[in-house]
Every structure is written in C-alpha cells, then in structure tokens.
Amino acid sequence: MFSAVYLVCFAGQPCEFFVDSFAYDSKEECVISVEDNIVRNTQEILAAGGSVPTVDYQCITWSKA
C-alpha cells in the first residue's frame, strides 16, 4: 500500500505537511492521483484569485503490522 505525503509552502508562511487519507494499491496509482490533485487544486486557487503554493510530494510504501 502507498500513501501520499505533501509538503505545501505558501509564500511568507511556514510550510505544512499533509498526508492523503486514501491508501493506494500501487506507486503509479499514487503518483497519478497526486499529480491530478495538484493540478485541480492549483486551478481552483487561481480561479479564486489566490496565490499558488509550492508543492512537493512523495508516495511512500507501508505494510500492515
């Protein structure tokens, strides 16, 4: 299983980490979903007249204990 971890940085503010609550079955599925989310959120922010943050992410793997 994979989860997406985001680092989101708005200008003039501290960066924040976010973890996607959805578990992906593959790294490819995670990457595609994350990149789609970033594009969608960027478009929404621009449409609202906001400043677009810098976003970095990683899809990390984990296993059930």
N, C-alpha and C. Protein backbone atom coordinates (compact mmCIF):
# COMPACT_ATOMS: atom_id res chain seq x y z
N MET A 1 0.85 -1.18 0.00
CA MET A 1 0.00 0.00 0.00
C MET A 1 0.89 1.24 0.00
N PHE A 2 0.35 2.31 -0.56
CA PHE A 2 1.08 3.57 -0.64
C PHE A 2 0.21 4.70 -0.13
N SER A 3 0.84 5.68 0.45
CA SER A 3 0.18 6.91 0.88
C SER A 3 0.95 8.09 0.31
N ALA A 4 0.23 9.17 0.08
CA ALA A 4 0.87 10.39 -0.43
C ALA A 4 1.11 11.35 0.72
N VAL A 5 2.33 11.87 0.77
CA VAL A 5 2.70 12.88 1.76
C VAL A 5 3.07 14.14 0.98
N TYR A 6 2.42 15.24 1.32
CA TYR A 6 2.64 16.51 0.63
C TYR A 6 3.37 17.50 1.54
N LEU A 7 4.23 18.31 0.95
CA LEU A 7 4.81 19.46 1.62
C LEU A 7 4.31 20.66 0.83
N VAL A 8 3.51 21.51 1.49
CA VAL A 8 2.88 22.65 0.83
C VAL A 8 3.42 23.93 1.46
N CYS A 9 3.94 24.82 0.58
CA CYS A 9 4.56 26.06 1.05
C CYS A 9 3.92 27.26 0.36
N PHE A 10 3.23 28.08 1.14
CA PHE A 10 2.71 29.35 0.64
C PHE A 10 3.73 30.43 0.95
N ALA A 11 3.90 31.38 0.05
CA ALA A 11 4.87 32.47 0.23
C ALA A 11 4.58 33.21 1.54
N GLY A 12 5.62 33.43 2.32
CA GLY A 12 5.50 34.18 3.56
C GLY A 12 4.92 33.41 4.72
N GLN A 13 4.68 32.11 4.56
CA GLN A 13 4.11 31.29 5.62
C GLN A 13 4.96 30.04 5.81
N PRO A 14 4.90 29.44 6.99
CA PRO A 14 5.62 28.18 7.18
C PRO A 14 5.04 27.08 6.29
N CYS A 15 5.88 26.19 5.86
CA CYS A 15 5.43 25.04 5.07
C CYS A 15 4.68 24.07 5.98
N GLU A 16 3.75 23.33 5.39
CA GLU A 16 2.96 22.36 6.16
C GLU A 16 2.97 21.01 5.44
N PHE A 17 2.95 19.94 6.23
CA PHE A 17 2.84 18.59 5.70
C PHE A 17 1.38 18.16 5.75
N PHE A 18 0.97 17.44 4.72
CA PHE A 18 -0.35 16.83 4.67
C PHE A 18 -0.18 15.39 4.23
N VAL A 19 -0.98 14.51 4.80
CA VAL A 19 -0.97 13.11 4.40
C VAL A 19 -2.33 12.79 3.82
N ASP A 20 -2.33 12.24 2.60
CA ASP A 20 -3.57 11.85 1.95
C ASP A 20 -4.20 10.72 2.76
N SER A 21 -5.49 10.80 2.99
CA SER A 21 -6.16 9.78 3.81
C SER A 21 -6.47 8.51 3.02
N PHE A 22 -6.22 8.54 1.72
CA PHE A 22 -6.52 7.38 0.88
C PHE A 22 -5.29 6.51 0.72
N ALA A 23 -5.45 5.21 0.77
CA ALA A 23 -4.35 4.27 0.54
C ALA A 23 -4.42 3.76 -0.89
N TYR A 24 -3.32 3.87 -1.60
CA TYR A 24 -3.24 3.46 -3.00
C TYR A 24 -2.63 2.06 -3.09
N ASP A 25 -3.06 1.32 -4.10
CA ASP A 25 -2.57 -0.05 -4.28
C ASP A 25 -1.18 -0.11 -4.92
N SER A 26 -0.82 0.94 -5.68
CA SER A 26 0.48 0.94 -6.35
C SER A 26 1.07 2.34 -6.33
N LYS A 27 2.38 2.41 -6.52
CA LYS A 27 3.04 3.72 -6.56
C LYS A 27 2.55 4.51 -7.77
N GLU A 28 2.36 3.84 -8.89
CA GLU A 28 1.88 4.52 -10.09
C GLU A 28 0.51 5.15 -9.86
N GLU A 29 -0.39 4.42 -9.22
CA GLU A 29 -1.72 4.95 -8.90
C GLU A 29 -1.60 6.17 -8.00
N CYS A 30 -0.72 6.10 -7.02
CA CYS A 30 -0.50 7.21 -6.09
C CYS A 30 0.00 8.44 -6.84
N VAL A 31 1.02 8.28 -7.66
CA VAL A 31 1.62 9.40 -8.39
C VAL A 31 0.59 10.07 -9.31
N ILE A 32 -0.16 9.26 -10.04
CA ILE A 32 -1.18 9.82 -10.95
C ILE A 32 -2.22 10.61 -10.17
N SER A 33 -2.70 10.06 -9.07
CA SER A 33 -3.70 10.73 -8.25
C SER A 33 -3.17 12.03 -7.66
N VAL A 34 -1.95 11.99 -7.14
CA VAL A 34 -1.34 13.18 -6.54
C VAL A 34 -1.18 14.28 -7.58
N GLU A 35 -0.65 13.93 -8.73
CA GLU A 35 -0.44 14.95 -9.76
C GLU A 35 -1.77 15.53 -10.24
N ASP A 36 -2.80 14.71 -10.34
CA ASP A 36 -4.14 15.21 -10.67
C ASP A 36 -4.65 16.16 -9.58
N ASN A 37 -4.45 15.79 -8.32
CA ASN A 37 -4.89 16.64 -7.21
C ASN A 37 -4.19 17.99 -7.24
N ILE A 38 -2.90 17.99 -7.50
CA ILE A 38 -2.13 19.24 -7.53
C ILE A 38 -2.65 20.14 -8.65
N VAL A 39 -2.87 19.58 -9.82
CA VAL A 39 -3.38 20.38 -10.95
C VAL A 39 -4.76 20.93 -10.62
N ARG A 40 -5.65 20.10 -10.11
CA ARG A 40 -7.01 20.53 -9.78
C ARG A 40 -7.00 21.63 -8.72
N ASN A 41 -6.21 21.44 -7.65
CA ASN A 41 -6.16 22.44 -6.59
C ASN A 41 -5.54 23.75 -7.08
N THR A 42 -4.52 23.65 -7.94
CA THR A 42 -3.89 24.86 -8.49
C THR A 42 -4.91 25.64 -9.32
N GLN A 43 -5.68 24.96 -10.14
CA GLN A 43 -6.70 25.62 -10.95
C GLN A 43 -7.76 26.29 -10.07
N GLU A 44 -8.17 25.63 -9.00
CA GLU A 44 -9.16 26.21 -8.08
C GLU A 44 -8.60 27.45 -7.38
N ILE A 45 -7.35 27.39 -6.96
CA ILE A 45 -6.73 28.53 -6.29
C ILE A 45 -6.62 29.71 -7.25
N LEU A 46 -6.17 29.45 -8.48
CA LEU A 46 -6.05 30.52 -9.47
C LEU A 46 -7.42 31.12 -9.81
N ALA A 47 -8.44 30.29 -9.93
CA ALA A 47 -9.79 30.77 -10.24
C ALA A 47 -10.32 31.66 -9.12
N ALA A 48 -9.90 31.38 -7.89
CA ALA A 48 -10.34 32.18 -6.75
C ALA A 48 -9.46 33.41 -6.54
N GLY A 49 -8.42 33.55 -7.37
CA GLY A 49 -7.54 34.71 -7.26
C GLY A 49 -6.48 34.58 -6.19
N GLY A 50 -6.24 33.38 -5.73
CA GLY A 50 -5.24 33.17 -4.67
C GLY A 50 -3.84 32.95 -5.20
N SER A 51 -2.90 32.90 -4.29
CA SER A 51 -1.50 32.61 -4.61
C SER A 51 -1.29 31.10 -4.58
N VAL A 52 -0.66 30.61 -5.62
CA VAL A 52 -0.42 29.17 -5.73
C VAL A 52 0.79 28.79 -4.89
N PRO A 53 0.66 27.77 -4.04
CA PRO A 53 1.79 27.35 -3.23
C PRO A 53 2.78 26.49 -4.03
N THR A 54 3.95 26.33 -3.47
CA THR A 54 4.90 25.35 -3.97
C THR A 54 4.54 24.03 -3.30
N VAL A 55 4.41 22.97 -4.10
CA VAL A 55 4.00 21.68 -3.56
C VAL A 55 5.01 20.62 -3.99
N ASP A 56 5.46 19.85 -3.02
CA ASP A 56 6.29 18.69 -3.29
C ASP A 56 5.59 17.50 -2.63
N TYR A 57 5.85 16.33 -3.12
CA TYR A 57 5.19 15.15 -2.55
C TYR A 57 6.07 13.92 -2.70
N GLN A 58 5.73 12.93 -1.92
CA GLN A 58 6.30 11.60 -2.08
C GLN A 58 5.20 10.58 -1.83
N CYS A 59 5.25 9.51 -2.60
CA CYS A 59 4.37 8.38 -2.35
C CYS A 59 5.21 7.36 -1.58
N ILE A 60 4.78 7.09 -0.36
CA ILE A 60 5.55 6.19 0.49
C ILE A 60 4.81 4.87 0.65
N THR A 61 5.58 3.82 0.80
CA THR A 61 5.00 2.49 0.94
C THR A 61 4.97 2.10 2.43
N TRP A 62 4.00 1.30 2.77
CA TRP A 62 3.87 0.80 4.13
C TRP A 62 3.17 -0.55 4.07
N SER A 63 3.29 -1.28 5.12
CA SER A 63 2.60 -2.56 5.19
C SER A 63 1.86 -2.65 6.51
N LYS A 64 0.85 -3.45 6.54
CA LYS A 64 0.08 -3.62 7.76
C LYS A 64 0.88 -4.43 8.76
N ALA A 65 0.79 -4.05 10.01
CA ALA A 65 1.50 -4.75 11.07
C ALA A 65 0.75 -5.98 11.50
